[in-house]
Amino acid sequence: MAKTALQFRHNGSDVAIFVNGGTNLLVALRELIGDMTPKFGCGQGGCGTCSVLIDGELHLSCLTLAETVAGRSVETLDSLKQGPNLHPLQRAFAENFAAQCGYCTPGMLMAAKALLDHNPSPSRAEIVEAISGNICRCTGYEPIINAILAASGGRVSA
């Protein structure tokens, strides 16, 4: 099978790789670029742990063909921190105990970033809707919702 040349922006840097036809973005990011922050969860688009931003919009990388990101911008969890400085969402997740096992955290953070980039002051209901495509089996969602509220400057429920 012939490989296809693929060029796109990955976390602000231009990358060029060769992919087999049918390769999903998750495999391209993890195996060809070495960005291990999007996690493999269900592989069927049901858990959200592989969520990334493509041109600022939330996408499931396990369901996205790598070839479709040609010329576009892809952001993963690794794009949030700047050196040793955590993104406000990452700090809020730590301060609000929003990560327990941590497996859903990359997808939750990317869903939260997509929300706050489009709506810096979301309501609790809007946060719930924004993370509804991400499954967490540990936290019960309240610490995650509270962390996103805190990062947005909203009031955290007691």
Foldseek 3Di string as FASTA:
>chain_A
DAWDWAWAAELRRIDIDTHDPPDFQLCCCCPVVNPPQQDDDPLPQQAQSRWKAKQLHIDRRSPHRRRVNGHIYIYWPVSQADVPRGHLLVVLCVVLVVADPNSSVRRLSRLLSSCCVVPLQDDLVSSCVSCVSHDDPPDPCLSSSQSSCVSSVHDRDD
